[in-house]
Amino acid sequence: MSSVDIHGVGMTSQRTRERLVQRLREGGIRYPQVLEAIRSTPRHLFVEEAFAHRAYEDTALPIGFGQTISQPYIVALMTQALLSRGPRERVLEVGTGSGYQAAVLAQLVERVYTVERVRPLLQRAQKLFRKLRLRNIESALQDGGLGWPQHAPYDAIITTAAPEVVPDELLQQLAPDGLLVIPVGLSGSQELRMLIRQGDSSQFEETVLERVRFVPLLSGTVST
């Protein structure tokens, strides 16, 4: 992949990215390391080519299979929440999608584990991870609601699709003092929540961060 592909030109140029970062800063994203990760991640590579000119707009965009790449503000907000109680080393992402959120996280944590239920989306994301040399990401085809128990426990879990209720399986895979950032609820009535495990107990401190709109968290896997 050439430097032009990564750095972009015109509507995908560094100047366009800087405008996005400024909008995020004005919107309340205050962690410099999160803003820098957004600045350095070539979002135009994670969207369909027809939408590349809109990659640095603060909006969700379709990526096929009924899925979307999340709005940059929401990616930044969820990432900031994940880091709000200190550094996190091992993070599980539920819903790889385009791979954009994982690519942002990979710059901020030691190890990212990410699962996706739609094989073609996963394969596309894995190809980008290799091209961008993001070697600290491990990915798999998996029902996201089940998490990835083989690599648990996690310091944090971030979910990019919304279940109706928080899955117990994800809570059980959190390490002591682990943190879960997750949209919850039916379409049109979703809340972005942060749940923090209290030590190694089964008690969780819960905070509502924002009203959001995510695709639903679906069960099973799709191979084609």
Protein backbone atom coordinates (compact mmCIF):
# COMPACT_ATOMS: atom_id res chain seq x y z
CA MET A 1 0.00 0.00 0.00
CA SER A 2 1.52 3.33 -1.05
CA SER A 3 1.89 6.38 1.17
CA VAL A 4 -0.62 8.17 -1.07
CA ASP A 5 -3.18 5.47 -0.32
CA ILE A 6 -2.60 5.83 3.42
CA HIS A 7 -2.24 9.60 3.67
CA GLY A 8 -4.90 10.41 1.08
CA VAL A 9 -5.40 13.31 -1.28
CA GLY A 10 -8.14 15.90 -1.76
CA MET A 11 -11.15 14.98 0.37
CA THR A 12 -9.08 12.29 2.14
CA SER A 13 -6.04 14.48 2.79
CA GLN A 14 -4.41 15.27 6.13
CA ARG A 15 -5.99 18.73 6.08
CA THR A 16 -9.45 17.15 5.88
CA ARG A 17 -8.58 14.88 8.82
CA GLU A 18 -7.46 17.88 10.84
CA ARG A 19 -10.87 19.48 10.39
CA LEU A 20 -12.49 16.31 11.70
CA VAL A 21 -10.20 16.27 14.74
CA GLN A 22 -11.07 19.90 15.45
CA ARG A 23 -14.80 19.08 15.33
CA LEU A 24 -14.26 16.21 17.75
CA ARG A 25 -12.31 18.46 20.10
CA GLU A 26 -15.09 21.04 20.00
CA GLY A 27 -17.61 18.24 20.65
CA GLY A 28 -15.94 17.29 23.93
CA ILE A 29 -13.29 14.72 23.02
CA ARG A 30 -10.48 15.92 25.25
CA TYR A 31 -7.98 13.05 25.44
CA PRO A 32 -4.98 14.01 23.24
CA GLN A 33 -4.06 10.37 22.62
CA VAL A 34 -7.56 9.61 21.29
CA LEU A 35 -7.53 12.62 19.00
CA GLU A 36 -4.08 11.62 17.72
CA ALA A 37 -5.27 8.07 17.00
CA ILE A 38 -8.22 9.45 15.02
CA ARG A 39 -5.88 11.81 13.17
CA SER A 40 -3.46 9.06 12.19
CA THR A 41 -6.00 6.38 11.18
CA PRO A 42 -6.80 6.45 7.43
CA ARG A 43 -10.59 6.12 7.73
CA HIS A 44 -10.97 6.40 3.94
CA LEU A 45 -9.46 2.92 3.63
CA PHE A 46 -12.14 1.42 5.90
CA VAL A 47 -15.14 2.61 3.88
CA GLU A 48 -16.40 1.52 0.48
CA GLU A 49 -14.59 3.33 -2.33
CA ALA A 50 -17.76 5.15 -3.39
CA PHE A 51 -17.89 6.82 0.04
CA ALA A 52 -14.16 7.61 0.40
CA HIS A 53 -14.76 11.32 -0.26
CA ARG A 54 -17.03 11.37 2.84
CA ALA A 55 -14.68 9.41 5.09
CA TYR A 56 -13.76 12.39 7.27
CA GLU A 57 -17.26 13.67 7.73
CA ASP A 58 -18.54 13.06 11.25
CA THR A 59 -21.14 10.55 10.15
CA ALA A 60 -21.75 6.80 9.98
CA LEU A 61 -21.41 5.23 6.53
CA PRO A 62 -22.57 1.87 5.08
CA ILE A 63 -20.01 -0.92 4.71
CA GLY A 64 -22.31 -3.63 3.34
CA PHE A 65 -24.19 -6.55 4.89
CA GLY A 66 -26.51 -4.14 6.70
CA GLN A 67 -23.60 -2.79 8.78
CA THR A 68 -22.05 0.65 9.15
CA ILE A 69 -18.74 2.21 10.09
CA SER A 70 -19.50 4.22 13.21
CA GLN A 71 -19.54 8.01 13.34
CA PRO A 72 -16.02 9.24 14.29
CA TYR A 73 -17.39 11.11 17.30
CA ILE A 74 -18.90 7.90 18.67
CA VAL A 75 -15.66 5.97 18.04
CA ALA A 76 -13.73 8.69 19.87
CA LEU A 77 -16.28 8.89 22.71
CA MET A 78 -16.26 5.13 23.28
CA THR A 79 -12.46 5.02 23.14
CA GLN A 80 -12.18 7.92 25.57
CA ALA A 81 -14.60 6.18 27.95
CA LEU A 82 -12.56 2.99 27.71
CA LEU A 83 -9.45 4.89 28.83
CA SER A 84 -11.22 7.05 31.43
CA ARG A 85 -10.20 4.89 34.39
CA GLY A 86 -6.60 4.44 33.34
CA PRO A 87 -4.65 2.51 30.71
CA ARG A 88 -6.01 -0.80 29.43
CA GLU A 89 -3.75 -3.55 28.11
CA ARG A 90 -6.05 -6.31 26.83
CA VAL A 91 -9.23 -5.18 25.08
CA LEU A 92 -11.98 -7.16 23.37
CA GLU A 93 -14.00 -5.52 20.61
CA VAL A 94 -17.34 -7.11 19.76
CA GLY A 95 -18.20 -6.34 16.14
CA THR A 96 -15.10 -5.82 13.98
CA GLY A 97 -17.15 -4.39 11.10
CA SER A 98 -14.85 -2.37 8.86
CA GLY A 99 -11.97 -2.69 11.34
CA TYR A 100 -11.79 1.06 12.00
CA GLN A 101 -12.48 0.97 15.75
CA ALA A 102 -9.95 -1.84 16.21
CA ALA A 103 -7.35 0.16 14.25
CA VAL A 104 -7.88 3.14 16.55
CA LEU A 105 -7.67 0.97 19.66
CA ALA A 106 -4.51 -0.76 18.42
CA GLN A 107 -2.64 2.53 18.78
CA LEU A 108 -3.71 2.95 22.40
CA VAL A 109 -3.66 -0.48 24.06
CA GLU A 110 -1.22 -3.37 24.13
CA ARG A 111 -3.47 -6.02 22.57
CA VAL A 112 -6.80 -5.91 20.74
CA TYR A 113 -8.98 -8.98 20.32
CA THR A 114 -11.88 -8.45 17.93
CA VAL A 115 -14.71 -10.72 16.79
CA GLU A 116 -17.07 -10.38 13.83
CA ARG A 117 -20.06 -12.53 12.80
CA VAL A 118 -19.94 -11.78 9.04
CA ARG A 119 -17.01 -13.56 7.38
CA PRO A 120 -16.57 -11.23 4.34
CA LEU A 121 -16.40 -8.19 6.63
CA LEU A 122 -13.87 -9.93 8.85
CA GLN A 123 -11.71 -10.91 5.90
CA ARG A 124 -11.76 -7.35 4.54
CA ALA A 125 -10.74 -5.96 7.95
CA GLN A 126 -7.99 -8.56 8.38
CA LYS A 127 -6.53 -7.55 5.01
CA LEU A 128 -6.40 -3.91 6.13
CA PHE A 129 -4.81 -4.83 9.47
CA ARG A 130 -2.02 -6.58 7.58
CA LYS A 131 -1.53 -3.72 5.12
CA LEU A 132 -1.36 -1.18 7.94
CA ARG A 133 0.96 -3.48 9.93
CA LEU A 134 -1.30 -3.54 12.97
CA ARG A 135 0.31 -6.61 14.46
CA ASN A 136 -1.28 -6.31 17.91
CA ILE A 137 -4.77 -7.17 16.64
CA GLU A 138 -6.09 -10.73 16.82
CA SER A 139 -9.43 -11.43 15.11
CA ALA A 140 -11.89 -14.26 14.66
CA LEU A 141 -15.27 -15.20 13.20
CA GLN A 142 -17.48 -15.46 16.27
CA ASP A 143 -20.95 -14.76 17.66
CA GLY A 144 -20.21 -11.46 19.40
CA GLY A 145 -22.72 -11.93 22.18
CA LEU A 146 -20.57 -14.81 23.41
CA GLY A 147 -17.45 -12.66 23.53
CA TRP A 148 -14.17 -14.54 23.08
CA PRO A 149 -13.74 -16.60 26.25
CA GLN A 150 -10.51 -18.25 25.10
CA HIS A 151 -8.60 -15.00 25.68
CA ALA A 152 -10.49 -13.74 28.74
CA PRO A 153 -10.25 -11.99 31.11
CA TYR A 154 -10.10 -8.56 29.46
CA ASP A 155 -9.23 -5.21 30.98
CA ALA A 156 -11.97 -3.70 28.82
CA ILE A 157 -14.62 -4.72 26.30
CA ILE A 158 -16.11 -2.41 23.69
CA THR A 159 -19.21 -3.37 21.70
CA THR A 160 -20.10 -1.79 18.36
CA ALA A 161 -23.60 -3.25 18.05
CA ALA A 162 -26.50 -2.96 20.47
CA PRO A 163 -28.06 -5.85 22.40
CA GLU A 164 -31.43 -5.32 24.07
CA VAL A 165 -29.81 -6.11 27.44
CA VAL A 166 -26.18 -6.39 28.49
CA PRO A 167 -24.99 -9.98 27.82
CA ASP A 168 -23.88 -11.77 30.98
CA GLU A 169 -21.20 -13.54 28.93
CA LEU A 170 -19.42 -10.23 28.35
CA LEU A 171 -19.59 -9.20 32.00
CA GLN A 172 -18.13 -12.56 33.03
CA GLN A 173 -15.14 -12.03 30.74
CA LEU A 174 -14.08 -8.79 32.43
CA ALA A 175 -11.01 -8.82 34.65
CA PRO A 176 -11.28 -7.33 38.18
CA ASP A 177 -11.96 -3.59 37.78
CA GLY A 178 -12.59 -4.26 34.08
CA LEU A 179 -14.74 -1.90 32.04
CA LEU A 180 -17.45 -2.49 29.44
CA VAL A 181 -18.56 0.22 26.97
CA ILE A 182 -21.74 -0.88 25.22
CA PRO A 183 -24.82 0.53 23.45
CA VAL A 184 -27.98 -1.05 24.86
CA GLY A 185 -31.62 -1.02 23.81
CA LEU A 186 -34.02 -1.31 20.92
CA SER A 187 -33.55 0.68 17.74
CA GLY A 188 -34.62 4.28 18.35
CA SER A 189 -34.16 4.01 22.11
CA GLN A 190 -30.53 3.15 22.79
CA GLU A 191 -28.13 4.32 25.47
CA LEU A 192 -24.36 4.12 25.45
CA ARG A 193 -23.44 2.71 28.85
CA MET A 194 -20.22 2.18 30.74
CA LEU A 195 -20.13 -0.63 33.31
CA ILE A 196 -17.16 -1.03 35.65
CA ARG A 197 -16.63 -4.22 37.59
CA GLN A 198 -16.11 -3.55 41.28
CA GLY A 199 -12.89 -5.41 42.04
CA ASP A 200 -13.42 -9.13 41.43
CA SER A 201 -17.03 -9.04 42.60
CA SER A 202 -20.20 -9.50 40.55
CA GLN A 203 -21.19 -5.89 41.22
CA PHE A 204 -20.95 -3.22 38.52
CA GLU A 205 -20.98 0.57 38.59
CA GLU A 206 -23.07 1.74 35.63
CA THR A 207 -23.07 5.13 33.88
CA VAL A 208 -25.12 6.30 30.89
CA LEU A 209 -22.88 8.29 28.54
CA GLU A 210 -25.13 9.32 25.66
CA ARG A 211 -28.16 8.52 23.52
CA VAL A 212 -26.97 6.61 20.45
CA ARG A 213 -28.08 4.68 17.39
CA PHE A 214 -26.35 1.40 16.55
CA VAL A 215 -27.18 -1.65 14.47
CA PRO A 216 -28.52 -4.52 16.62
CA LEU A 217 -26.23 -7.18 18.06
CA LEU A 218 -27.27 -10.35 16.22
CA SER A 219 -26.50 -13.95 17.13
CA GLY A 220 -24.83 -16.60 15.01
CA THR A 221 -22.32 -16.20 12.18
CA VAL A 222 -22.63 -15.55 8.43
CA SER A 223 -20.12 -17.14 6.07
CA THR A 224 -21.14 -15.57 2.73
